[in-house]
Structure formats: C-alpha cells, structure tokens
Amino acid sequence: MPFNQTTSWAMKHPQKLFLLDGLGALFSAVMLGIVFVELEMYIGIPKATCHLLAFIPCLFVVYDFFCYHFVRSIGPFLQIIGIMNIAYVLLSVSLAMLHIESITFMGFGYLFLEIVMVLFLTVVELKVAKRIIGK
C-alpha cells in the first residue's frame, strides 16, 4: 500500500494505528526474543542484544493495546508511540553499529527491514497525530 493510501486509511481509522503498531511490535518481540536467540550464529546479533531489542517492543505491545482499547483522545498518544518508535530505531541502529563486526547479512537485512517498516508507520502515526491535535 503506497504512503498516501496508508495515510488516507489511517486518517479514517486512527485508533487502528495502535493495533497495527502493537501487532508489529509483537512480531518484533517474537523474532528478536525467540527466533533470533536460537539463530544467533546465523544472525550475528548477541543474545543479550536480542533480548534488549525484544523487551522494548513488549512494552510497546502493552502500550498500544491499552491505547487501542481505552484511549479516546488519541492524538497525544499517537505522538508518544511515534516518538518511542523513533527512539527504538535509533537504539537499533546504535546496537547494530556496536556489533557491526559480528552481524551477518541476514541480521542486517532483518534490522534494515524492521527499521524501514517502523519508520514508515511512525511517519503515518505522527502525521495523523498532528492532524488530530490540530483540529
């Protein structure tokens, strides 16, 4: 789905951004906390780093599902998850650079795709939040 179509959909269904973000965070937590820990020698990301990178999305899952079910004034809460997503991306990049010697092509590939997807969703979240708050 191209960016403009995604943004248009999100403007009509802003609450569902929390659900989308939470499902993405759940996927990241499972991949990093379970799958990649078992495949450390193929991914090249140390277990401790995988666990840290998996723990943060677990927090996002709780936040997102709470917001999806209980928050009605969603603009500020979308801004918060957008900012938290940017911080997570910066941490991911920093940790990838810290372990640049050991991370394999497969590990970089996963991190790159995750970062691109998180940033895409974050831009949409922040754009929708700005529009909601600006009303």
C-alpha atoms as a PDB file:
ATOM      1  CA  MET A   1       0.000   0.000   0.000  1.00  0.00           C
ATOM      2  CA  PRO A   2       1.614   3.308  -1.025  1.00  0.00           C
ATOM      3  CA  PHE A   3       2.238   6.004   1.560  1.00  0.00           C
ATOM      4  CA  ASN A   4      -0.667   8.289   0.549  1.00  0.00           C
ATOM      5  CA  GLN A   5      -3.152   5.416   0.621  1.00  0.00           C
ATOM      6  CA  THR A   6      -1.872   4.303   4.009  1.00  0.00           C
ATOM      7  CA  THR A   7      -2.113   7.826   5.399  1.00  0.00           C
ATOM      8  CA  SER A   8      -5.618   8.237   3.979  1.00  0.00           C
ATOM      9  CA  TRP A   9      -6.700   4.950   5.584  1.00  0.00           C
ATOM     10  CA  ALA A  10      -5.064   5.962   8.890  1.00  0.00           C
ATOM     11  CA  MET A  11      -6.846   9.333   8.911  1.00  0.00           C
ATOM     12  CA  LYS A  12     -10.166   7.473   8.700  1.00  0.00           C
ATOM     13  CA  HIS A  13      -9.184   4.817  11.275  1.00  0.00           C
ATOM     14  CA  PRO A  14      -6.638   6.432  13.612  1.00  0.00           C
ATOM     15  CA  GLN A  15      -7.429   4.109  16.529  1.00  0.00           C
ATOM     16  CA  LYS A  16      -6.387   1.123  14.400  1.00  0.00           C
ATOM     17  CA  LEU A  17      -2.846   2.523  14.201  1.00  0.00           C
ATOM     18  CA  PHE A  18      -2.380   1.322  17.767  1.00  0.00           C
ATOM     19  CA  LEU A  19      -3.470  -2.162  16.751  1.00  0.00           C
ATOM     20  CA  LEU A  20      -1.148  -2.135  13.733  1.00  0.00           C
ATOM     21  CA  ASP A  21       1.766  -0.820  15.785  1.00  0.00           C
ATOM     22  CA  GLY A  22       1.105  -3.363  18.539  1.00  0.00           C
ATOM     23  CA  LEU A  23       0.993  -6.293  16.121  1.00  0.00           C
ATOM     24  CA  GLY A  24       4.256  -5.121  14.536  1.00  0.00           C
ATOM     25  CA  ALA A  25       5.829  -4.797  17.978  1.00  0.00           C
ATOM     26  CA  LEU A  26       4.637  -8.290  18.879  1.00  0.00           C
ATOM     27  CA  PHE A  27       6.216  -9.654  15.695  1.00  0.00           C
ATOM     28  CA  SER A  28       9.498  -7.879  16.518  1.00  0.00           C
ATOM     29  CA  ALA A  29       9.465  -9.193  20.081  1.00  0.00           C
ATOM     30  CA  VAL A  30       8.956 -12.777  18.915  1.00  0.00           C
ATOM     31  CA  MET A  31      11.569 -12.567  16.161  1.00  0.00           C
ATOM     32  CA  LEU A  32      14.214 -10.915  18.345  1.00  0.00           C
ATOM     33  CA  GLY A  33      13.410 -12.581  21.658  1.00  0.00           C
ATOM     34  CA  ILE A  34      12.806 -16.128  20.497  1.00  0.00           C
ATOM     35  CA  VAL A  35      13.754 -16.814  16.882  1.00  0.00           C
ATOM     36  CA  PHE A  36      16.977 -14.815  16.637  1.00  0.00           C
ATOM     37  CA  VAL A  37      18.205 -16.012  20.024  1.00  0.00           C
ATOM     38  CA  GLU A  38      18.079 -19.553  18.648  1.00  0.00           C
ATOM     39  CA  LEU A  39      19.721 -18.480  15.371  1.00  0.00           C
ATOM     40  CA  GLU A  40      22.454 -16.314  16.899  1.00  0.00           C
ATOM     41  CA  MET A  41      25.244 -17.868  14.836  1.00  0.00           C
ATOM     42  CA  TYR A  42      23.348 -17.136  11.587  1.00  0.00           C
ATOM     43  CA  ILE A  43      22.207 -13.651  12.564  1.00  0.00           C
ATOM     44  CA  GLY A  44      25.283 -12.454  14.419  1.00  0.00           C
ATOM     45  CA  ILE A  45      23.378 -10.417  16.990  1.00  0.00           C
ATOM     46  CA  PRO A  46      24.358 -11.428  20.540  1.00  0.00           C
ATOM     47  CA  LYS A  47      21.607 -12.917  22.720  1.00  0.00           C
ATOM     48  CA  ALA A  48      21.761 -10.062  25.232  1.00  0.00           C
ATOM     49  CA  THR A  49      21.231  -7.530  22.448  1.00  0.00           C
ATOM     50  CA  CYS A  50      18.349  -9.564  21.023  1.00  0.00           C
ATOM     51  CA  HIS A  51      16.753  -9.717  24.464  1.00  0.00           C
ATOM     52  CA  LEU A  52      17.067  -5.950  24.922  1.00  0.00           C
ATOM     53  CA  LEU A  53      15.677  -5.273  21.454  1.00  0.00           C
ATOM     54  CA  ALA A  54      12.817  -7.711  22.167  1.00  0.00           C
ATOM     55  CA  PHE A  55      11.958  -6.281  25.594  1.00  0.00           C
ATOM     56  CA  ILE A  56      11.231  -2.799  24.276  1.00  0.00           C
ATOM     57  CA  PRO A  57       8.608  -3.939  21.738  1.00  0.00           C
ATOM     58  CA  CYS A  58       6.961  -5.921  24.565  1.00  0.00           C
ATOM     59  CA  LEU A  59       6.417  -2.593  26.325  1.00  0.00           C
ATOM     60  CA  PHE A  60       5.060  -1.133  23.077  1.00  0.00           C
ATOM     61  CA  VAL A  61       2.588  -4.018  22.770  1.00  0.00           C
ATOM     62  CA  VAL A  62       1.161  -3.249  26.214  1.00  0.00           C
ATOM     63  CA  TYR A  63       1.005   0.495  25.466  1.00  0.00           C
ATOM     64  CA  ASP A  64      -0.560   0.016  22.030  1.00  0.00           C
ATOM     65  CA  PHE A  65      -3.217  -2.444  23.127  1.00  0.00           C
ATOM     66  CA  PHE A  66      -4.076  -0.283  26.149  1.00  0.00           C
ATOM     67  CA  CYS A  67      -4.455   2.766  23.893  1.00  0.00           C
ATOM     68  CA  TYR A  68      -6.447   0.798  21.315  1.00  0.00           C
ATOM     69  CA  HIS A  69      -8.983  -0.345  23.910  1.00  0.00           C
ATOM     70  CA  PHE A  70      -9.161   2.519  26.409  1.00  0.00           C
ATOM     71  CA  VAL A  71      -7.900   5.835  24.997  1.00  0.00           C
ATOM     72  CA  ARG A  72     -10.361   8.074  23.185  1.00  0.00           C
ATOM     73  CA  SER A  73      -8.339  11.283  22.786  1.00  0.00           C
ATOM     74  CA  ILE A  74      -5.698   9.542  20.701  1.00  0.00           C
ATOM     75  CA  GLY A  75      -3.658  12.371  19.171  1.00  0.00           C
ATOM     76  CA  PRO A  76      -1.160  12.797  22.024  1.00  0.00           C
ATOM     77  CA  PHE A  77      -0.890   9.042  22.489  1.00  0.00           C
ATOM     78  CA  LEU A  78      -0.062   8.561  18.797  1.00  0.00           C
ATOM     79  CA  GLN A  79       2.656  11.179  19.199  1.00  0.00           C
ATOM     80  CA  ILE A  80       4.081   9.292  22.172  1.00  0.00           C
ATOM     81  CA  ILE A  81       4.277   5.952  20.345  1.00  0.00           C
ATOM     82  CA  GLY A  82       5.734   7.722  17.312  1.00  0.00           C
ATOM     83  CA  ILE A  83       8.499   9.235  19.427  1.00  0.00           C
ATOM     84  CA  MET A  84       9.089   5.909  21.194  1.00  0.00           C
ATOM     85  CA  ASN A  85       9.374   4.212  17.800  1.00  0.00           C
ATOM     86  CA  ILE A  86      11.997   6.735  16.690  1.00  0.00           C
ATOM     87  CA  ALA A  87      13.955   6.094  19.901  1.00  0.00           C
ATOM     88  CA  TYR A  88      13.744   2.347  19.247  1.00  0.00           C
ATOM     89  CA  VAL A  89      15.050   2.805  15.703  1.00  0.00           C
ATOM     90  CA  LEU A  90      17.963   4.904  16.997  1.00  0.00           C
ATOM     91  CA  LEU A  91      18.752   2.247  19.594  1.00  0.00           C
ATOM     92  CA  SER A  92      18.588  -0.496  16.938  1.00  0.00           C
ATOM     93  CA  VAL A  93      20.962   1.402  14.658  1.00  0.00           C
ATOM     94  CA  SER A  94      23.318   2.113  17.557  1.00  0.00           C
ATOM     95  CA  LEU A  95      23.402  -1.523  18.630  1.00  0.00           C
ATOM     96  CA  ALA A  96      23.893  -2.676  15.038  1.00  0.00           C
ATOM     97  CA  MET A  97      26.895  -0.363  14.755  1.00  0.00           C
ATOM     98  CA  LEU A  98      28.212  -1.610  18.092  1.00  0.00           C
ATOM     99  CA  HIS A  99      28.097  -5.195  16.801  1.00  0.00           C
ATOM    100  CA  ILE A 100      28.990  -4.432  13.188  1.00  0.00           C
ATOM    101  CA  GLU A 101      31.808  -6.989  13.261  1.00  0.00           C
ATOM    102  CA  SER A 102      29.538  -9.899  14.156  1.00  0.00           C
ATOM    103  CA  ILE A 103      26.187  -9.148  12.490  1.00  0.00           C
ATOM    104  CA  THR A 104      25.650 -11.182   9.347  1.00  0.00           C
ATOM    105  CA  PHE A 105      23.988 -10.091   6.129  1.00  0.00           C
ATOM    106  CA  MET A 106      20.825 -11.810   7.337  1.00  0.00           C
ATOM    107  CA  GLY A 107      20.936  -9.884  10.627  1.00  0.00           C
ATOM    108  CA  PHE A 108      21.455  -6.562   8.857  1.00  0.00           C
ATOM    109  CA  GLY A 109      18.708  -7.448   6.411  1.00  0.00           C
ATOM    110  CA  TYR A 110      16.204  -8.046   9.179  1.00  0.00           C
ATOM    111  CA  LEU A 111      17.190  -4.884  11.059  1.00  0.00           C
ATOM    112  CA  PHE A 112      17.021  -2.830   7.865  1.00  0.00           C
ATOM    113  CA  LEU A 113      13.528  -4.093   7.016  1.00  0.00           C
ATOM    114  CA  GLU A 114      12.333  -3.581  10.576  1.00  0.00           C
ATOM    115  CA  ILE A 115      13.701  -0.039  10.655  1.00  0.00           C
ATOM    116  CA  VAL A 116      12.104   0.848   7.320  1.00  0.00           C
ATOM    117  CA  MET A 117       8.739  -0.526   8.405  1.00  0.00           C
ATOM    118  CA  VAL A 118       8.857   1.140  11.822  1.00  0.00           C
ATOM    119  CA  LEU A 119       9.820   4.491  10.294  1.00  0.00           C
ATOM    120  CA  PHE A 120       7.040   4.203   7.690  1.00  0.00           C
ATOM    121  CA  LEU A 121       4.459   3.548  10.395  1.00  0.00           C
ATOM    122  CA  THR A 122       5.940   6.274  12.601  1.00  0.00           C
ATOM    123  CA  VAL A 123       5.631   8.908   9.878  1.00  0.00           C
ATOM    124  CA  VAL A 124       1.990   7.936   9.410  1.00  0.00           C
ATOM    125  CA  GLU A 125       1.345   7.988  13.172  1.00  0.00           C
ATOM    126  CA  LEU A 126       2.911  11.414  13.609  1.00  0.00           C
ATOM    127  CA  LYS A 127       1.108  12.824  10.591  1.00  0.00           C
ATOM    128  CA  VAL A 128      -2.248  11.555  11.866  1.00  0.00           C
ATOM    129  CA  ALA A 129      -1.491  12.764  15.412  1.00  0.00           C
ATOM    130  CA  LYS A 130      -0.629  16.233  14.121  1.00  0.00           C
ATOM    131  CA  ARG A 131      -3.885  16.406  12.200  1.00  0.00           C
ATOM    132  CA  ILE A 132      -5.946  15.206  15.188  1.00  0.00           C
ATOM    133  CA  ILE A 133      -4.270  17.586  17.637  1.00  0.00           C
ATOM    134  CA  GLY A 134      -4.525  20.460  15.169  1.00  0.00           C
ATOM    135  CA  LYS A 135      -8.334  20.168  14.951  1.00  0.00           C
END
